[in-house]
Amino acid sequence: MAGQGLDNFLTEQTSSEMKRIEEKIRTEVEEKICCYFGVPSTDELNKGQIREVREAEGLRKKGFIKLGYNLVLQELGARP
């Protein structure tokens, strides 16, 4: 264990739980984005709404909501 480095060790040991948490965050943020814009799915967001999500993400320095924005934007293919 000591030879593989702390970061690699933690990555290996926590990856499945981190994926589960990321999915929960993405789902929660996606649901609230849909509620805010009054659409049933983020697939139905127009370019202006996607731009607003991107701008809101840019205003956040860090945190779970920023992660949620990033995950939703990645899913939409709108994140560079």
C-alpha atoms as a PDB file:
ATOM      1  CA  MET A   1       0.000   0.000   0.000  1.00  0.00           C
ATOM      2  CA  ALA A   2       2.670   2.495   0.949  1.00  0.00           C
ATOM      3  CA  GLY A   3       4.417   2.006  -2.403  1.00  0.00           C
ATOM      4  CA  GLN A   4       1.447   3.032  -4.533  1.00  0.00           C
ATOM      5  CA  GLY A   5       1.005   6.528  -3.107  1.00  0.00           C
ATOM      6  CA  LEU A   6      -1.868   7.927  -1.107  1.00  0.00           C
ATOM      7  CA  ASP A   7      -3.733   9.407  -4.074  1.00  0.00           C
ATOM      8  CA  ASN A   8      -3.684   6.177  -6.059  1.00  0.00           C
ATOM      9  CA  PHE A   9      -4.688   4.207  -2.983  1.00  0.00           C
ATOM     10  CA  LEU A  10      -7.635   6.495  -2.222  1.00  0.00           C
ATOM     11  CA  THR A  11      -8.699   6.507  -5.867  1.00  0.00           C
ATOM     12  CA  GLU A  12      -8.780   2.711  -5.925  1.00  0.00           C
ATOM     13  CA  GLN A  13     -10.494   2.370  -2.578  1.00  0.00           C
ATOM     14  CA  THR A  14     -13.178   5.022  -3.075  1.00  0.00           C
ATOM     15  CA  SER A  15     -13.932   5.073  -6.802  1.00  0.00           C
ATOM     16  CA  SER A  16     -17.211   3.128  -6.711  1.00  0.00           C
ATOM     17  CA  GLU A  17     -18.593   5.203  -3.839  1.00  0.00           C
ATOM     18  CA  MET A  18     -17.461   8.450  -5.466  1.00  0.00           C
ATOM     19  CA  LYS A  19     -19.237   7.481  -8.708  1.00  0.00           C
ATOM     20  CA  ARG A  20     -22.421   6.816  -6.737  1.00  0.00           C
ATOM     21  CA  ILE A  21     -22.150  10.199  -4.999  1.00  0.00           C
ATOM     22  CA  GLU A  22     -21.428  11.998  -8.289  1.00  0.00           C
ATOM     23  CA  GLU A  23     -24.509  10.415  -9.845  1.00  0.00           C
ATOM     24  CA  LYS A  24     -26.649  11.523  -6.900  1.00  0.00           C
ATOM     25  CA  ILE A  25     -25.320  15.085  -7.170  1.00  0.00           C
ATOM     26  CA  ARG A  26     -25.854  15.146 -10.954  1.00  0.00           C
ATOM     27  CA  THR A  27     -29.403  13.832 -10.597  1.00  0.00           C
ATOM     28  CA  GLU A  28     -30.280  16.345  -7.879  1.00  0.00           C
ATOM     29  CA  VAL A  29     -28.862  19.349  -9.766  1.00  0.00           C
ATOM     30  CA  GLU A  30     -30.406  18.171 -13.046  1.00  0.00           C
ATOM     31  CA  GLU A  31     -33.859  17.867 -11.432  1.00  0.00           C
ATOM     32  CA  LYS A  32     -33.605  21.394 -10.020  1.00  0.00           C
ATOM     33  CA  ILE A  33     -32.400  22.822 -13.350  1.00  0.00           C
ATOM     34  CA  CYS A  34     -35.414  21.234 -15.045  1.00  0.00           C
ATOM     35  CA  CYS A  35     -37.711  22.615 -12.361  1.00  0.00           C
ATOM     36  CA  TYR A  36     -36.201  26.107 -12.713  1.00  0.00           C
ATOM     37  CA  PHE A  37     -36.641  26.157 -16.483  1.00  0.00           C
ATOM     38  CA  GLY A  38     -39.972  24.291 -16.474  1.00  0.00           C
ATOM     39  CA  VAL A  39     -38.792  21.463 -18.722  1.00  0.00           C
ATOM     40  CA  PRO A  40     -39.168  17.709 -18.179  1.00  0.00           C
ATOM     41  CA  SER A  41     -35.569  16.946 -19.216  1.00  0.00           C
ATOM     42  CA  THR A  42     -32.306  18.811 -19.703  1.00  0.00           C
ATOM     43  CA  ASP A  43     -32.395  17.490 -23.271  1.00  0.00           C
ATOM     44  CA  GLU A  44     -35.104  20.088 -23.849  1.00  0.00           C
ATOM     45  CA  LEU A  45     -33.040  23.078 -22.725  1.00  0.00           C
ATOM     46  CA  ASN A  46     -32.472  25.639 -25.448  1.00  0.00           C
ATOM     47  CA  LYS A  47     -29.114  27.262 -26.167  1.00  0.00           C
ATOM     48  CA  GLY A  48     -29.886  30.285 -24.008  1.00  0.00           C
ATOM     49  CA  GLN A  49     -30.805  28.101 -21.052  1.00  0.00           C
ATOM     50  CA  ILE A  50     -27.661  25.999 -21.467  1.00  0.00           C
ATOM     51  CA  ARG A  51     -25.656  29.219 -21.595  1.00  0.00           C
ATOM     52  CA  GLU A  52     -27.317  30.309 -18.328  1.00  0.00           C
ATOM     53  CA  VAL A  53     -26.347  26.994 -16.698  1.00  0.00           C
ATOM     54  CA  ARG A  54     -22.775  27.422 -17.960  1.00  0.00           C
ATOM     55  CA  GLU A  55     -22.658  30.985 -16.597  1.00  0.00           C
ATOM     56  CA  ALA A  56     -24.026  29.875 -13.212  1.00  0.00           C
ATOM     57  CA  GLU A  57     -21.386  27.142 -13.081  1.00  0.00           C
ATOM     58  CA  GLY A  58     -18.699  29.729 -13.824  1.00  0.00           C
ATOM     59  CA  LEU A  59     -19.775  31.890 -10.897  1.00  0.00           C
ATOM     60  CA  ARG A  60     -19.176  29.082  -8.422  1.00  0.00           C
ATOM     61  CA  LYS A  61     -15.617  28.633  -7.199  1.00  0.00           C
ATOM     62  CA  LYS A  62     -16.101  25.107  -5.839  1.00  0.00           C
ATOM     63  CA  GLY A  63     -18.609  22.848  -4.146  1.00  0.00           C
ATOM     64  CA  PHE A  64     -21.237  20.257  -4.860  1.00  0.00           C
ATOM     65  CA  ILE A  65     -23.463  22.519  -6.957  1.00  0.00           C
ATOM     66  CA  LYS A  66     -20.511  23.407  -9.198  1.00  0.00           C
ATOM     67  CA  LEU A  67     -19.793  19.688  -9.563  1.00  0.00           C
ATOM     68  CA  GLY A  68     -23.453  19.114 -10.409  1.00  0.00           C
ATOM     69  CA  TYR A  69     -23.398  21.850 -13.047  1.00  0.00           C
ATOM     70  CA  ASN A  70     -20.240  20.329 -14.538  1.00  0.00           C
ATOM     71  CA  LEU A  71     -21.749  16.848 -14.670  1.00  0.00           C
ATOM     72  CA  VAL A  72     -24.978  18.080 -16.279  1.00  0.00           C
ATOM     73  CA  LEU A  73     -23.050  20.157 -18.831  1.00  0.00           C
ATOM     74  CA  GLN A  74     -20.833  17.172 -19.650  1.00  0.00           C
ATOM     75  CA  GLU A  75     -23.916  15.064 -20.199  1.00  0.00           C
ATOM     76  CA  LEU A  76     -25.288  17.727 -22.542  1.00  0.00           C
ATOM     77  CA  GLY A  77     -21.968  17.935 -24.361  1.00  0.00           C
ATOM     78  CA  ALA A  78     -21.848  21.659 -23.626  1.00  0.00           C
ATOM     79  CA  ARG A  79     -18.700  21.658 -21.537  1.00  0.00           C
ATOM     80  CA  PRO A  80     -15.443  22.337 -23.395  1.00  0.00           C
END
